[in-house]
Amino acid sequence: MTDLRREALKHAMPWLFLAGLLIVWEVSCIVFQVPEIILPKPTKIFAVFFQRFDILMAYCWDTLWTTTVGFLLAIAFGLLLGLAIGASPFVYSGLYPLLIAFNAIPKVAIVPILMIWVGVGSLPAVITAFVISFFPIVVNVATGLATIEPEMRDVLRSLGASRLEILTKVGIPRAMPYLFASLKVAITLAFIGSVISETVGGNNGIGFLMLSASARNDAPTTFAGLFAIAIMGVAMYAVCAMVEKRMTRWAFRGEIVA
């Protein structure tokens, strides 16, 4: 197989798998006569998606901007905290157990508390997206700093480098691949946080639309909302992957080939 055909096949594989999944889904609903209220056919979902496209886009925009704001806050906070934890063993010993304990709390349990504090609306969704997505950023940045070999630190100190210079000139570049790897995980978690908040106590966003549709037993609209979330998640993941490839090209020697 030539390199050109291999590359074309690699790019086509996600679409082929998606088409196969939708075909199996459609055929299964027809053969087993699955009621629409339980599992609507993909053709019905796509029909509703395009019929109510304007409404879906309006609600999707609310979810997208709350997710993006929470995600950006998570990047800023997670990067600073990760640098502090990775650079200081004392900060690591003091904060890391607390972070693990906080991350173990189901985030859906935080939403009612946020509603009491800040009310119903977009702000709880922003906070939930931030809370659920900053942890992997902190962990990966701290891990990246921890990969600096002690021998390298000793050599740099012998050359007169200060701790700040070691951190900025070696530690942060070393942590960059870890940071961007965590961003691809964090953006999907941010969407989960926003939709959870919109579902539990929101008055806008795609989660609120899905909750309203499910209350009317409107399964096709509910699944159309799920499809919209998936599309937004894949798009934002692709943006993070594109930025990662541009910013950390030096960290990858080449693509893995079969």
C-alpha atoms as a PDB file:
ATOM      1  CA  MET A   1       0.000   0.000   0.000  1.00  0.00           C
ATOM      2  CA  THR A   2       1.419   3.343  -1.019  1.00  0.00           C
ATOM      3  CA  ASP A   3       1.870   6.120   1.507  1.00  0.00           C
ATOM      4  CA  LEU A   4      -0.812   8.226  -0.208  1.00  0.00           C
ATOM      5  CA  ARG A   5      -3.407   5.454  -0.074  1.00  0.00           C
ATOM      6  CA  ARG A   6      -2.464   4.652   3.525  1.00  0.00           C
ATOM      7  CA  GLU A   7      -2.929   8.302   4.502  1.00  0.00           C
ATOM      8  CA  ALA A   8      -6.289   8.504   2.704  1.00  0.00           C
ATOM      9  CA  LEU A   9      -7.479   5.305   4.406  1.00  0.00           C
ATOM     10  CA  LYS A  10      -6.373   6.592   7.801  1.00  0.00           C
ATOM     11  CA  HIS A  11      -8.426   9.777   7.367  1.00  0.00           C
ATOM     12  CA  ALA A  12     -11.420   7.801   6.088  1.00  0.00           C
ATOM     13  CA  MET A  13     -11.477   5.269   8.942  1.00  0.00           C
ATOM     14  CA  PRO A  14     -13.460   7.402  11.455  1.00  0.00           C
ATOM     15  CA  TRP A  15     -16.148   8.075   8.855  1.00  0.00           C
ATOM     16  CA  LEU A  16     -16.297   4.405   7.848  1.00  0.00           C
ATOM     17  CA  PHE A  17     -16.690   3.282  11.461  1.00  0.00           C
ATOM     18  CA  LEU A  18     -19.341   5.946  12.058  1.00  0.00           C
ATOM     19  CA  ALA A  19     -21.263   4.910   8.937  1.00  0.00           C
ATOM     20  CA  GLY A  20     -21.104   1.251   9.983  1.00  0.00           C
ATOM     21  CA  LEU A  21     -22.367   2.080  13.475  1.00  0.00           C
ATOM     22  CA  LEU A  22     -25.292   4.111  12.140  1.00  0.00           C
ATOM     23  CA  ILE A  23     -26.229   1.382   9.648  1.00  0.00           C
ATOM     24  CA  VAL A  24     -26.221  -1.299  12.365  1.00  0.00           C
ATOM     25  CA  TRP A  25     -28.263   1.025  14.603  1.00  0.00           C
ATOM     26  CA  GLU A  26     -30.833   1.711  11.858  1.00  0.00           C
ATOM     27  CA  VAL A  27     -31.187  -1.921  10.838  1.00  0.00           C
ATOM     28  CA  SER A  28     -31.478  -3.081  14.463  1.00  0.00           C
ATOM     29  CA  CYS A  29     -34.296  -0.614  15.150  1.00  0.00           C
ATOM     30  CA  ILE A  30     -36.170  -1.822  12.064  1.00  0.00           C
ATOM     31  CA  VAL A  31     -35.616  -5.555  12.564  1.00  0.00           C
ATOM     32  CA  PHE A  32     -36.396  -5.613  16.288  1.00  0.00           C
ATOM     33  CA  GLN A  33     -39.120  -2.944  15.986  1.00  0.00           C
ATOM     34  CA  VAL A  34     -37.679  -0.855  18.783  1.00  0.00           C
ATOM     35  CA  PRO A  35     -40.168   1.803  19.943  1.00  0.00           C
ATOM     36  CA  GLU A  36     -39.131   5.341  19.051  1.00  0.00           C
ATOM     37  CA  ILE A  37     -39.484   6.501  22.638  1.00  0.00           C
ATOM     38  CA  ILE A  38     -36.781   4.008  23.660  1.00  0.00           C
ATOM     39  CA  LEU A  39     -34.344   4.262  20.761  1.00  0.00           C
ATOM     40  CA  PRO A  40     -35.202   6.331  17.677  1.00  0.00           C
ATOM     41  CA  LYS A  41     -33.679   5.461  14.307  1.00  0.00           C
ATOM     42  CA  PRO A  42     -30.705   7.574  13.175  1.00  0.00           C
ATOM     43  CA  THR A  43     -32.695   8.740  10.134  1.00  0.00           C
ATOM     44  CA  LYS A  44     -35.373  10.116  12.463  1.00  0.00           C
ATOM     45  CA  ILE A  45     -32.760  11.787  14.654  1.00  0.00           C
ATOM     46  CA  PHE A  46     -31.111  13.472  11.681  1.00  0.00           C
ATOM     47  CA  ALA A  47     -34.505  14.593  10.377  1.00  0.00           C
ATOM     48  CA  VAL A  48     -35.292  16.249  13.723  1.00  0.00           C
ATOM     49  CA  PHE A  49     -31.753  17.665  13.859  1.00  0.00           C
ATOM     50  CA  PHE A  50     -32.200  19.526  10.585  1.00  0.00           C
ATOM     51  CA  GLN A  51     -35.828  20.473  11.209  1.00  0.00           C
ATOM     52  CA  ARG A  52     -34.911  22.139  14.526  1.00  0.00           C
ATOM     53  CA  PHE A  53     -31.435  23.224  13.516  1.00  0.00           C
ATOM     54  CA  ASP A  54     -31.922  26.889  14.488  1.00  0.00           C
ATOM     55  CA  ILE A  55     -33.233  25.982  17.936  1.00  0.00           C
ATOM     56  CA  LEU A  56     -30.442  23.468  18.507  1.00  0.00           C
ATOM     57  CA  MET A  57     -27.791  25.987  17.455  1.00  0.00           C
ATOM     58  CA  ALA A  58     -29.137  28.609  19.862  1.00  0.00           C
ATOM     59  CA  TYR A  59     -28.943  26.180  22.781  1.00  0.00           C
ATOM     60  CA  CYS A  60     -25.608  24.804  21.578  1.00  0.00           C
ATOM     61  CA  TRP A  61     -24.140  28.304  21.571  1.00  0.00           C
ATOM     62  CA  ASP A  62     -25.031  28.703  25.259  1.00  0.00           C
ATOM     63  CA  THR A  63     -23.331  25.400  26.087  1.00  0.00           C
ATOM     64  CA  LEU A  64     -20.305  26.158  23.922  1.00  0.00           C
ATOM     65  CA  TRP A  65     -19.498  29.508  25.478  1.00  0.00           C
ATOM     66  CA  THR A  66     -19.975  28.328  29.076  1.00  0.00           C
ATOM     67  CA  THR A  67     -17.777  25.318  28.338  1.00  0.00           C
ATOM     68  CA  THR A  68     -15.109  27.455  26.677  1.00  0.00           C
ATOM     69  CA  VAL A  69     -14.984  29.963  29.526  1.00  0.00           C
ATOM     70  CA  GLY A  70     -14.752  27.214  32.140  1.00  0.00           C
ATOM     71  CA  PHE A  71     -12.104  25.432  30.077  1.00  0.00           C
ATOM     72  CA  LEU A  72      -9.961  28.572  29.721  1.00  0.00           C
ATOM     73  CA  LEU A  73     -10.186  29.196  33.468  1.00  0.00           C
ATOM     74  CA  ALA A  74      -9.165  25.570  34.063  1.00  0.00           C
ATOM     75  CA  ILE A  75      -6.114  26.026  31.813  1.00  0.00           C
ATOM     76  CA  ALA A  76      -4.961  29.129  33.674  1.00  0.00           C
ATOM     77  CA  PHE A  77      -5.582  27.739  37.155  1.00  0.00           C
ATOM     78  CA  GLY A  78      -4.391  24.232  36.330  1.00  0.00           C
ATOM     79  CA  LEU A  79      -1.173  25.466  34.741  1.00  0.00           C
ATOM     80  CA  LEU A  80      -0.258  27.671  37.695  1.00  0.00           C
ATOM     81  CA  LEU A  81      -1.151  25.048  40.290  1.00  0.00           C
ATOM     82  CA  GLY A  82       0.586  22.295  38.321  1.00  0.00           C
ATOM     83  CA  LEU A  83       3.765  24.364  38.140  1.00  0.00           C
ATOM     84  CA  ALA A  84       3.616  25.001  41.879  1.00  0.00           C
ATOM     85  CA  ILE A  85       3.034  21.325  42.709  1.00  0.00           C
ATOM     86  CA  GLY A  86       5.694  20.094  40.293  1.00  0.00           C
ATOM     87  CA  ALA A  87       8.297  22.640  41.364  1.00  0.00           C
ATOM     88  CA  SER A  88       7.965  22.246  45.132  1.00  0.00           C
ATOM     89  CA  PRO A  89       7.838  18.933  47.032  1.00  0.00           C
ATOM     90  CA  PHE A  90       6.301  20.788  49.989  1.00  0.00           C
ATOM     91  CA  VAL A  91       3.405  22.100  47.888  1.00  0.00           C
ATOM     92  CA  TYR A  92       3.034  18.614  46.400  1.00  0.00           C
ATOM     93  CA  SER A  93       2.810  17.002  49.839  1.00  0.00           C
ATOM     94  CA  GLY A  94       0.344  19.592  51.076  1.00  0.00           C
ATOM     95  CA  LEU A  95      -2.022  20.032  48.137  1.00  0.00           C
ATOM     96  CA  TYR A  96      -2.002  16.795  46.168  1.00  0.00           C
ATOM     97  CA  PRO A  97      -4.009  14.723  48.690  1.00  0.00           C
ATOM     98  CA  LEU A  98      -6.580  17.531  48.899  1.00  0.00           C
ATOM     99  CA  LEU A  99      -6.871  17.656  45.107  1.00  0.00           C
ATOM    100  CA  ILE A 100      -7.433  13.906  44.938  1.00  0.00           C
ATOM    101  CA  ALA A 101     -10.115  14.122  47.624  1.00  0.00           C
ATOM    102  CA  PHE A 102     -11.840  17.007  45.839  1.00  0.00           C
ATOM    103  CA  ASN A 103     -11.697  15.242  42.488  1.00  0.00           C
ATOM    104  CA  ALA A 104     -13.346  12.163  44.039  1.00  0.00           C
ATOM    105  CA  ILE A 105     -16.483  14.181  44.854  1.00  0.00           C
ATOM    106  CA  PRO A 106     -19.215  13.603  42.233  1.00  0.00           C
ATOM    107  CA  LYS A 107     -19.510  16.917  40.421  1.00  0.00           C
ATOM    108  CA  VAL A 108     -23.262  16.532  40.045  1.00  0.00           C
ATOM    109  CA  ALA A 109     -23.446  16.946  43.834  1.00  0.00           C
ATOM    110  CA  ILE A 110     -21.786  20.364  43.563  1.00  0.00           C
ATOM    111  CA  VAL A 111     -24.381  21.846  41.205  1.00  0.00           C
ATOM    112  CA  PRO A 112     -27.149  22.303  43.824  1.00  0.00           C
ATOM    113  CA  ILE A 113     -24.647  24.082  46.075  1.00  0.00           C
ATOM    114  CA  LEU A 114     -23.637  26.371  43.214  1.00  0.00           C
ATOM    115  CA  MET A 115     -27.292  27.145  42.564  1.00  0.00           C
ATOM    116  CA  ILE A 116     -27.639  28.251  46.183  1.00  0.00           C
ATOM    117  CA  TRP A 117     -24.518  30.411  45.945  1.00  0.00           C
ATOM    118  CA  VAL A 118     -24.844  32.010  42.497  1.00  0.00           C
ATOM    119  CA  GLY A 119     -28.396  31.180  41.372  1.00  0.00           C
ATOM    120  CA  VAL A 120     -29.701  29.542  38.214  1.00  0.00           C
ATOM    121  CA  GLY A 121     -28.151  30.372  34.861  1.00  0.00           C
ATOM    122  CA  SER A 122     -24.877  30.198  33.003  1.00  0.00           C
ATOM    123  CA  LEU A 123     -22.527  30.834  35.934  1.00  0.00           C
ATOM    124  CA  PRO A 124     -23.047  27.408  37.584  1.00  0.00           C
ATOM    125  CA  ALA A 125     -22.308  25.779  34.216  1.00  0.00           C
ATOM    126  CA  VAL A 126     -19.063  27.763  33.857  1.00  0.00           C
ATOM    127  CA  ILE A 127     -17.980  26.830  37.384  1.00  0.00           C
ATOM    128  CA  THR A 128     -18.883  23.156  36.921  1.00  0.00           C
ATOM    129  CA  ALA A 129     -16.958  23.005  33.630  1.00  0.00           C
ATOM    130  CA  PHE A 130     -13.971  24.565  35.388  1.00  0.00           C
ATOM    131  CA  VAL A 131     -14.127  22.294  38.428  1.00  0.00           C
ATOM    132  CA  ILE A 132     -14.408  19.076  36.444  1.00  0.00           C
ATOM    133  CA  SER A 133     -11.669  19.885  33.900  1.00  0.00           C
ATOM    134  CA  PHE A 134      -8.807  21.466  35.845  1.00  0.00           C
ATOM    135  CA  PHE A 135      -7.640  18.296  37.645  1.00  0.00           C
ATOM    136  CA  PRO A 136      -6.095  16.466  34.636  1.00  0.00           C
ATOM    137  CA  ILE A 137      -4.274  19.670  33.688  1.00  0.00           C
ATOM    138  CA  VAL A 138      -2.770  19.996  37.165  1.00  0.00           C
ATOM    139  CA  VAL A 139      -1.707  16.345  37.262  1.00  0.00           C
ATOM    140  CA  ASN A 140      -0.137  16.327  33.801  1.00  0.00           C
ATOM    141  CA  VAL A 141       1.781  19.577  34.250  1.00  0.00           C
ATOM    142  CA  ALA A 142       3.135  18.390  37.602  1.00  0.00           C
ATOM    143  CA  THR A 143       4.066  15.038  36.025  1.00  0.00           C
ATOM    144  CA  GLY A 144       5.878  16.792  33.192  1.00  0.00           C
ATOM    145  CA  LEU A 145       7.970  18.774  35.648  1.00  0.00           C
ATOM    146  CA  ALA A 146       8.707  15.605  37.609  1.00  0.00           C
ATOM    147  CA  THR A 147      10.277  14.001  34.523  1.00  0.00           C
ATOM    148  CA  ILE A 148      13.325  16.275  34.738  1.00  0.00           C
ATOM    149  CA  GLU A 149      16.214  13.975  35.599  1.00  0.00           C
ATOM    150  CA  PRO A 150      18.102  14.743  38.837  1.00  0.00           C
ATOM    151  CA  GLU A 151      21.353  14.518  36.870  1.00  0.00           C
ATOM    152  CA  MET A 152      20.165  17.285  34.549  1.00  0.00           C
ATOM    153  CA  ARG A 153      19.266  19.451  37.529  1.00  0.00           C
ATOM    154  CA  ASP A 154      22.734  18.893  39.004  1.00  0.00           C
ATOM    155  CA  VAL A 155      24.426  19.782  35.715  1.00  0.00           C
ATOM    156  CA  LEU A 156      22.359  22.942  35.329  1.00  0.00           C
ATOM    157  CA  ARG A 157      23.083  24.005  38.907  1.00  0.00           C
ATOM    158  CA  SER A 158      26.790  23.398  38.364  1.00  0.00           C
ATOM    159  CA  LEU A 159      26.561  25.742  35.364  1.00  0.00           C
ATOM    160  CA  GLY A 160      25.087  28.447  37.564  1.00  0.00           C
ATOM    161  CA  ALA A 161      21.388  28.059  36.711  1.00  0.00           C
ATOM    162  CA  SER A 162      18.931  29.106  39.386  1.00  0.00           C
ATOM    163  CA  ARG A 163      15.787  27.152  40.293  1.00  0.00           C
ATOM    164  CA  LEU A 164      13.694  29.671  38.366  1.00  0.00           C
ATOM    165  CA  GLU A 165      15.868  29.293  35.278  1.00  0.00           C
ATOM    166  CA  ILE A 166      15.664  25.501  35.477  1.00  0.00           C
ATOM    167  CA  LEU A 167      11.879  25.778  35.754  1.00  0.00           C
ATOM    168  CA  THR A 168      11.389  28.229  32.882  1.00  0.00           C
ATOM    169  CA  LYS A 169      14.030  26.950  30.447  1.00  0.00           C
ATOM    170  CA  VAL A 170      13.810  23.202  31.048  1.00  0.00           C
ATOM    171  CA  GLY A 171      10.800  22.355  33.202  1.00  0.00           C
ATOM    172  CA  ILE A 172       8.076  24.224  31.318  1.00  0.00           C
ATOM    173  CA  PRO A 173       9.210  23.057  27.844  1.00  0.00           C
ATOM    174  CA  ARG A 174       9.434  19.516  29.193  1.00  0.00           C
ATOM    175  CA  ALA A 175       5.882  19.793  30.537  1.00  0.00           C
ATOM    176  CA  MET A 176       4.366  21.165  27.309  1.00  0.00           C
ATOM    177  CA  PRO A 177       3.531  17.772  25.704  1.00  0.00           C
ATOM    178  CA  TYR A 178       1.927  16.683  28.975  1.00  0.00           C
ATOM    179  CA  LEU A 179      -0.068  19.918  29.126  1.00  0.00           C
ATOM    180  CA  PHE A 180      -1.493  19.585  25.638  1.00  0.00           C
ATOM    181  CA  ALA A 181      -2.263  15.907  26.176  1.00  0.00           C
ATOM    182  CA  SER A 182      -4.290  16.889  29.232  1.00  0.00           C
ATOM    183  CA  LEU A 183      -6.145  19.619  27.329  1.00  0.00           C
ATOM    184  CA  LYS A 184      -7.649  17.040  24.962  1.00  0.00           C
ATOM    185  CA  VAL A 185      -9.031  15.195  27.975  1.00  0.00           C
ATOM    186  CA  ALA A 186     -10.055  18.346  29.841  1.00  0.00           C
ATOM    187  CA  ILE A 187     -12.142  19.824  27.007  1.00  0.00           C
ATOM    188  CA  THR A 188     -14.365  16.737  26.866  1.00  0.00           C
ATOM    189  CA  LEU A 189     -14.731  16.831  30.656  1.00  0.00           C
ATOM    190  CA  ALA A 190     -15.646  20.525  30.452  1.00  0.00           C
ATOM    191  CA  PHE A 191     -18.566  19.666  28.165  1.00  0.00           C
ATOM    192  CA  ILE A 192     -19.684  17.024  30.654  1.00  0.00           C
ATOM    193  CA  GLY A 193     -19.599  19.599  33.444  1.00  0.00           C
ATOM    194  CA  SER A 194     -21.592  22.188  31.499  1.00  0.00           C
ATOM    195  CA  VAL A 195     -24.283  19.722  30.425  1.00  0.00           C
ATOM    196  CA  ILE A 196     -24.588  18.303  33.961  1.00  0.00           C
ATOM    197  CA  SER A 197     -25.168  21.796  35.329  1.00  0.00           C
ATOM    198  CA  GLU A 198     -27.675  22.662  32.595  1.00  0.00           C
ATOM    199  CA  THR A 199     -29.552  19.421  33.216  1.00  0.00           C
ATOM    200  CA  VAL A 200     -29.675  19.680  36.995  1.00  0.00           C
ATOM    201  CA  GLY A 201     -30.430  23.360  37.410  1.00  0.00           C
ATOM    202  CA  GLY A 202     -30.059  25.363  34.222  1.00  0.00           C
ATOM    203  CA  ASN A 203     -32.464  27.490  32.243  1.00  0.00           C
ATOM    204  CA  ASN A 204     -30.521  27.429  28.961  1.00  0.00           C
ATOM    205  CA  GLY A 205     -28.016  25.303  27.081  1.00  0.00           C
ATOM    206  CA  ILE A 206     -28.299  21.980  25.299  1.00  0.00           C
ATOM    207  CA  GLY A 207     -28.641  20.082  28.587  1.00  0.00           C
ATOM    208  CA  PHE A 208     -31.757  22.104  29.445  1.00  0.00           C
ATOM    209  CA  LEU A 209     -33.168  21.436  25.960  1.00  0.00           C
ATOM    210  CA  MET A 210     -32.593  17.686  26.362  1.00  0.00           C
ATOM    211  CA  LEU A 211     -34.236  17.711  29.795  1.00  0.00           C
ATOM    212  CA  SER A 212     -37.272  19.537  28.408  1.00  0.00           C
ATOM    213  CA  ALA A 213     -37.493  17.123  25.471  1.00  0.00           C
ATOM    214  CA  SER A 214     -37.259  14.075  27.737  1.00  0.00           C
ATOM    215  CA  ALA A 215     -40.068  15.463  29.897  1.00  0.00           C
ATOM    216  CA  ARG A 216     -42.249  15.419  26.751  1.00  0.00           C
ATOM    217  CA  ASN A 217     -41.048  11.892  25.844  1.00  0.00           C
ATOM    218  CA  ASP A 218     -39.469  13.420  22.743  1.00  0.00           C
ATOM    219  CA  ALA A 219     -36.646  10.925  22.283  1.00  0.00           C
ATOM    220  CA  PRO A 220     -35.538  12.118  18.801  1.00  0.00           C
ATOM    221  CA  THR A 221     -34.906  15.667  20.053  1.00  0.00           C
ATOM    222  CA  THR A 222     -33.074  14.302  23.091  1.00  0.00           C
ATOM    223  CA  PHE A 223     -30.806  12.207  20.869  1.00  0.00           C
ATOM    224  CA  ALA A 224     -30.350  15.159  18.503  1.00  0.00           C
ATOM    225  CA  GLY A 225     -29.025  17.072  21.512  1.00  0.00           C
ATOM    226  CA  LEU A 226     -26.614  14.227  22.239  1.00  0.00           C
ATOM    227  CA  PHE A 227     -25.395  14.333  18.644  1.00  0.00           C
ATOM    228  CA  ALA A 228     -24.892  18.091  18.920  1.00  0.00           C
ATOM    229  CA  ILE A 229     -22.808  17.671  22.074  1.00  0.00           C
ATOM    230  CA  ALA A 230     -20.718  14.994  20.376  1.00  0.00           C
ATOM    231  CA  ILE A 231     -20.089  17.239  17.364  1.00  0.00           C
ATOM    232  CA  MET A 232     -19.013  20.151  19.568  1.00  0.00           C
ATOM    233  CA  GLY A 233     -16.776  17.879  21.632  1.00  0.00           C
ATOM    234  CA  VAL A 234     -15.040  16.440  18.582  1.00  0.00           C
ATOM    235  CA  ALA A 235     -14.585  19.930  17.104  1.00  0.00           C
ATOM    236  CA  MET A 236     -13.000  21.314  20.272  1.00  0.00           C
ATOM    237  CA  TYR A 237     -10.837  18.193  20.626  1.00  0.00           C
ATOM    238  CA  ALA A 238      -9.623  18.725  17.056  1.00  0.00           C
ATOM    239  CA  VAL A 239      -8.733  22.330  17.865  1.00  0.00           C
ATOM    240  CA  CYS A 240      -6.693  21.209  20.893  1.00  0.00           C
ATOM    241  CA  ALA A 241      -4.978  18.513  18.811  1.00  0.00           C
ATOM    242  CA  MET A 242      -4.136  21.047  16.097  1.00  0.00           C
ATOM    243  CA  VAL A 243      -2.640  23.459  18.620  1.00  0.00           C
ATOM    244  CA  GLU A 244      -0.725  20.584  20.237  1.00  0.00           C
ATOM    245  CA  LYS A 245       0.750  19.533  16.910  1.00  0.00           C
ATOM    246  CA  ARG A 246       1.820  23.094  16.165  1.00  0.00           C
ATOM    247  CA  MET A 247       3.250  23.888  19.600  1.00  0.00           C
ATOM    248  CA  THR A 248       4.937  20.569  20.445  1.00  0.00           C
ATOM    249  CA  ARG A 249       6.043  19.284  17.050  1.00  0.00           C
ATOM    250  CA  TRP A 250       9.573  18.932  18.423  1.00  0.00           C
ATOM    251  CA  ALA A 251       8.393  16.339  20.981  1.00  0.00           C
ATOM    252  CA  PHE A 252       7.268  13.781  18.376  1.00  0.00           C
ATOM    253  CA  ARG A 253       9.764  11.995  16.158  1.00  0.00           C
ATOM    254  CA  GLY A 254       7.155  10.679  13.738  1.00  0.00           C
ATOM    255  CA  GLU A 255       3.778   9.050  13.395  1.00  0.00           C
ATOM    256  CA  ILE A 256       3.228   5.426  14.249  1.00  0.00           C
ATOM    257  CA  VAL A 257       2.611   3.402  11.111  1.00  0.00           C
ATOM    258  CA  ALA A 258       1.067  -0.052  10.895  1.00  0.00           C
END
